[in-house]
N, C-alpha and C. Protein backbone atom coordinates (compact mmCIF):
# COMPACT_ATOMS: atom_id res chain seq x y z
N MET A 1 -14.78 -13.38 7.42
CA MET A 1 -14.11 -12.10 7.48
C MET A 1 -14.63 -11.18 6.37
N THR A 2 -14.73 -9.94 6.70
CA THR A 2 -15.16 -8.97 5.70
C THR A 2 -14.00 -8.60 4.79
N LYS A 3 -14.32 -7.97 3.69
CA LYS A 3 -13.28 -7.54 2.74
C LYS A 3 -12.32 -6.57 3.41
N GLN A 4 -12.86 -5.70 4.25
CA GLN A 4 -12.03 -4.73 4.96
C GLN A 4 -11.06 -5.43 5.92
N ALA A 5 -11.53 -6.44 6.63
CA ALA A 5 -10.68 -7.17 7.56
C ALA A 5 -9.58 -7.91 6.82
N VAL A 6 -9.90 -8.46 5.67
CA VAL A 6 -8.90 -9.15 4.86
C VAL A 6 -7.84 -8.15 4.39
N ASP A 7 -8.27 -6.98 3.96
CA ASP A 7 -7.35 -5.95 3.49
C ASP A 7 -6.41 -5.53 4.61
N VAL A 8 -6.94 -5.32 5.80
CA VAL A 8 -6.12 -4.91 6.94
C VAL A 8 -5.13 -6.02 7.30
N GLN A 9 -5.59 -7.26 7.27
CA GLN A 9 -4.70 -8.39 7.57
C GLN A 9 -3.56 -8.46 6.57
N GLN A 10 -3.85 -8.24 5.29
CA GLN A 10 -2.81 -8.26 4.27
C GLN A 10 -1.82 -7.12 4.50
N LEU A 11 -2.31 -5.96 4.89
CA LEU A 11 -1.42 -4.83 5.15
C LEU A 11 -0.51 -5.11 6.35
N ARG A 12 -1.05 -5.76 7.37
CA ARG A 12 -0.25 -6.06 8.56
C ARG A 12 0.89 -7.03 8.24
N GLU A 13 0.69 -7.87 7.23
CA GLU A 13 1.71 -8.84 6.86
C GLU A 13 2.86 -8.21 6.08
N LEU A 14 2.67 -7.00 5.57
CA LEU A 14 3.70 -6.33 4.78
C LEU A 14 4.79 -5.76 5.69
N ASP A 15 5.99 -5.66 5.14
CA ASP A 15 7.05 -4.99 5.87
C ASP A 15 6.93 -3.48 5.62
N ASP A 16 7.86 -2.70 6.17
CA ASP A 16 7.78 -1.25 6.05
C ASP A 16 7.83 -0.78 4.60
N ILE A 17 8.68 -1.41 3.82
CA ILE A 17 8.79 -1.03 2.41
C ILE A 17 7.50 -1.38 1.67
N GLY A 18 6.93 -2.51 1.99
CA GLY A 18 5.66 -2.90 1.39
C GLY A 18 4.54 -1.94 1.73
N LEU A 19 4.54 -1.43 2.98
CA LEU A 19 3.53 -0.45 3.37
C LEU A 19 3.70 0.85 2.59
N GLU A 20 4.95 1.26 2.40
CA GLU A 20 5.20 2.48 1.63
C GLU A 20 4.73 2.31 0.19
N GLU A 21 4.94 1.14 -0.38
CA GLU A 21 4.48 0.87 -1.74
C GLU A 21 2.95 0.86 -1.81
N ALA A 22 2.31 0.26 -0.80
CA ALA A 22 0.85 0.24 -0.75
C ALA A 22 0.31 1.66 -0.65
N LEU A 23 0.96 2.49 0.15
CA LEU A 23 0.55 3.88 0.29
C LEU A 23 0.70 4.63 -1.03
N ARG A 24 1.82 4.41 -1.70
CA ARG A 24 2.05 5.06 -2.99
C ARG A 24 1.00 4.62 -4.02
N ASP A 25 0.69 3.32 -4.03
CA ASP A 25 -0.31 2.81 -4.97
C ASP A 25 -1.69 3.42 -4.71
N ARG A 26 -2.06 3.51 -3.45
CA ARG A 26 -3.36 4.07 -3.11
C ARG A 26 -3.43 5.57 -3.45
N ARG A 27 -2.35 6.28 -3.20
CA ARG A 27 -2.33 7.70 -3.55
C ARG A 27 -2.42 7.90 -5.06
N GLN A 28 -1.77 7.04 -5.82
CA GLN A 28 -1.85 7.11 -7.28
C GLN A 28 -3.27 6.82 -7.75
N GLU A 29 -3.90 5.82 -7.13
CA GLU A 29 -5.28 5.50 -7.49
C GLU A 29 -6.22 6.67 -7.16
N LEU A 30 -5.99 7.31 -6.01
CA LEU A 30 -6.82 8.46 -5.65
C LEU A 30 -6.65 9.59 -6.65
N LEU A 31 -5.43 9.83 -7.09
CA LEU A 31 -5.19 10.86 -8.10
C LEU A 31 -5.97 10.54 -9.38
N GLN A 32 -5.91 9.29 -9.82
CA GLN A 32 -6.62 8.90 -11.03
C GLN A 32 -8.13 9.07 -10.87
N LEU A 33 -8.64 8.71 -9.69
CA LEU A 33 -10.08 8.85 -9.45
C LEU A 33 -10.49 10.32 -9.45
N ARG A 34 -9.66 11.18 -8.88
CA ARG A 34 -9.96 12.61 -8.87
C ARG A 34 -9.95 13.18 -10.28
N LEU A 35 -9.02 12.72 -11.09
CA LEU A 35 -8.98 13.18 -12.48
C LEU A 35 -10.22 12.72 -13.23
N GLN A 36 -10.64 11.49 -13.00
CA GLN A 36 -11.85 10.98 -13.64
C GLN A 36 -13.08 11.77 -13.19
N ARG A 37 -13.12 12.12 -11.91
CA ARG A 37 -14.25 12.91 -11.42
C ARG A 37 -14.28 14.29 -12.07
N ALA A 38 -13.11 14.89 -12.22
CA ALA A 38 -13.03 16.23 -12.81
C ALA A 38 -13.46 16.24 -14.27
N THR A 39 -13.20 15.14 -14.96
CA THR A 39 -13.56 15.07 -16.38
C THR A 39 -14.94 14.44 -16.61
N GLY A 40 -15.61 14.07 -15.53
CA GLY A 40 -16.94 13.51 -15.65
C GLY A 40 -16.97 12.04 -16.04
N GLN A 41 -15.87 11.34 -15.92
CA GLN A 41 -15.80 9.94 -16.32
C GLN A 41 -15.96 8.96 -15.16
N LEU A 42 -16.01 9.47 -13.94
CA LEU A 42 -16.07 8.61 -12.76
C LEU A 42 -17.47 8.04 -12.60
N GLU A 43 -17.55 6.71 -12.50
CA GLU A 43 -18.84 6.05 -12.33
C GLU A 43 -19.06 5.59 -10.90
N GLN A 44 -17.99 5.25 -10.20
CA GLN A 44 -18.12 4.76 -8.83
C GLN A 44 -17.58 5.83 -7.87
N HIS A 45 -18.44 6.75 -7.51
CA HIS A 45 -18.02 7.85 -6.64
C HIS A 45 -17.61 7.37 -5.25
N ARG A 46 -18.18 6.28 -4.82
CA ARG A 46 -17.86 5.74 -3.51
C ARG A 46 -16.40 5.26 -3.43
N ARG A 47 -15.84 4.94 -4.56
CA ARG A 47 -14.46 4.42 -4.60
C ARG A 47 -13.48 5.45 -4.04
N ILE A 48 -13.75 6.73 -4.22
CA ILE A 48 -12.87 7.77 -3.68
C ILE A 48 -12.82 7.65 -2.16
N ARG A 49 -13.96 7.48 -1.54
CA ARG A 49 -14.01 7.34 -0.08
C ARG A 49 -13.26 6.09 0.36
N GLU A 50 -13.44 4.99 -0.36
CA GLU A 50 -12.78 3.74 0.00
C GLU A 50 -11.26 3.88 -0.08
N VAL A 51 -10.77 4.54 -1.11
CA VAL A 51 -9.33 4.71 -1.29
C VAL A 51 -8.77 5.63 -0.19
N ARG A 52 -9.51 6.70 0.12
CA ARG A 52 -9.05 7.60 1.18
C ARG A 52 -8.96 6.86 2.51
N ARG A 53 -9.92 6.01 2.79
CA ARG A 53 -9.89 5.22 4.02
C ARG A 53 -8.75 4.21 4.00
N GLY A 54 -8.46 3.67 2.83
CA GLY A 54 -7.32 2.76 2.71
C GLY A 54 -6.01 3.47 3.00
N ILE A 55 -5.89 4.71 2.54
CA ILE A 55 -4.70 5.50 2.83
C ILE A 55 -4.58 5.73 4.33
N ALA A 56 -5.70 6.03 4.97
CA ALA A 56 -5.69 6.24 6.42
C ALA A 56 -5.30 4.96 7.16
N ARG A 57 -5.74 3.81 6.67
CA ARG A 57 -5.36 2.54 7.30
C ARG A 57 -3.85 2.31 7.23
N VAL A 58 -3.29 2.60 6.08
CA VAL A 58 -1.84 2.42 5.92
C VAL A 58 -1.10 3.37 6.86
N HIS A 59 -1.54 4.62 6.92
CA HIS A 59 -0.91 5.59 7.82
C HIS A 59 -1.01 5.12 9.28
N THR A 60 -2.17 4.57 9.66
CA THR A 60 -2.36 4.09 11.02
C THR A 60 -1.40 2.96 11.34
N LEU A 61 -1.25 2.01 10.43
CA LEU A 61 -0.32 0.90 10.66
C LEU A 61 1.12 1.38 10.74
N MET A 62 1.48 2.33 9.88
CA MET A 62 2.85 2.85 9.91
C MET A 62 3.12 3.57 11.24
N ARG A 63 2.14 4.34 11.71
CA ARG A 63 2.30 5.05 12.97
C ARG A 63 2.37 4.08 14.15
N ALA A 64 1.55 3.04 14.12
CA ALA A 64 1.57 2.05 15.19
C ALA A 64 2.93 1.35 15.26
N ARG A 65 3.49 1.05 14.10
CA ARG A 65 4.82 0.42 14.08
C ARG A 65 5.88 1.37 14.60
N ALA A 66 5.77 2.65 14.25
CA ALA A 66 6.76 3.63 14.73
C ALA A 66 6.69 3.76 16.25
N ILE A 67 5.50 3.77 16.80
CA ILE A 67 5.33 3.86 18.25
C ILE A 67 5.88 2.61 18.91
N ALA A 68 5.59 1.45 18.33
CA ALA A 68 6.08 0.19 18.90
C ALA A 68 7.61 0.14 18.87
N ASP A 69 8.21 0.67 17.80
CA ASP A 69 9.66 0.70 17.71
C ASP A 69 10.27 1.61 18.77
N MET A 70 9.63 2.73 19.02
CA MET A 70 10.14 3.67 20.02
C MET A 70 10.03 3.11 21.42
N SER A 71 8.95 2.39 21.70
CA SER A 71 8.74 1.85 23.05
C SER A 71 9.42 0.51 23.25
N GLY A 72 9.89 -0.09 22.17
CA GLY A 72 10.58 -1.37 22.27
C GLY A 72 9.66 -2.56 22.36
N GLU A 73 8.38 -2.37 22.10
CA GLU A 73 7.44 -3.46 22.14
C GLU A 73 7.45 -4.24 20.84
N PRO A 74 7.32 -5.56 20.91
CA PRO A 74 7.21 -6.32 19.66
C PRO A 74 5.84 -6.13 19.05
N GLY A 75 5.77 -6.20 17.71
CA GLY A 75 4.46 -6.12 17.13
C GLY A 75 4.45 -5.36 15.89
């Protein structure tokens, strides 16, 4: 399994509160990375893209759960 697949699997195992915490953590990390970029201290510019994609993954899982709850499907 790739690192990305492992990350997605770990996110799927979280409950709704855990997903909200993961989202908050990723948003905080993105803020810190943006501040580092603005001050010229950022060394891994690719990390910003990775964190943004992680935020999108969390949003996708949250939306999928909301749709499943509305339709009554397990999952």
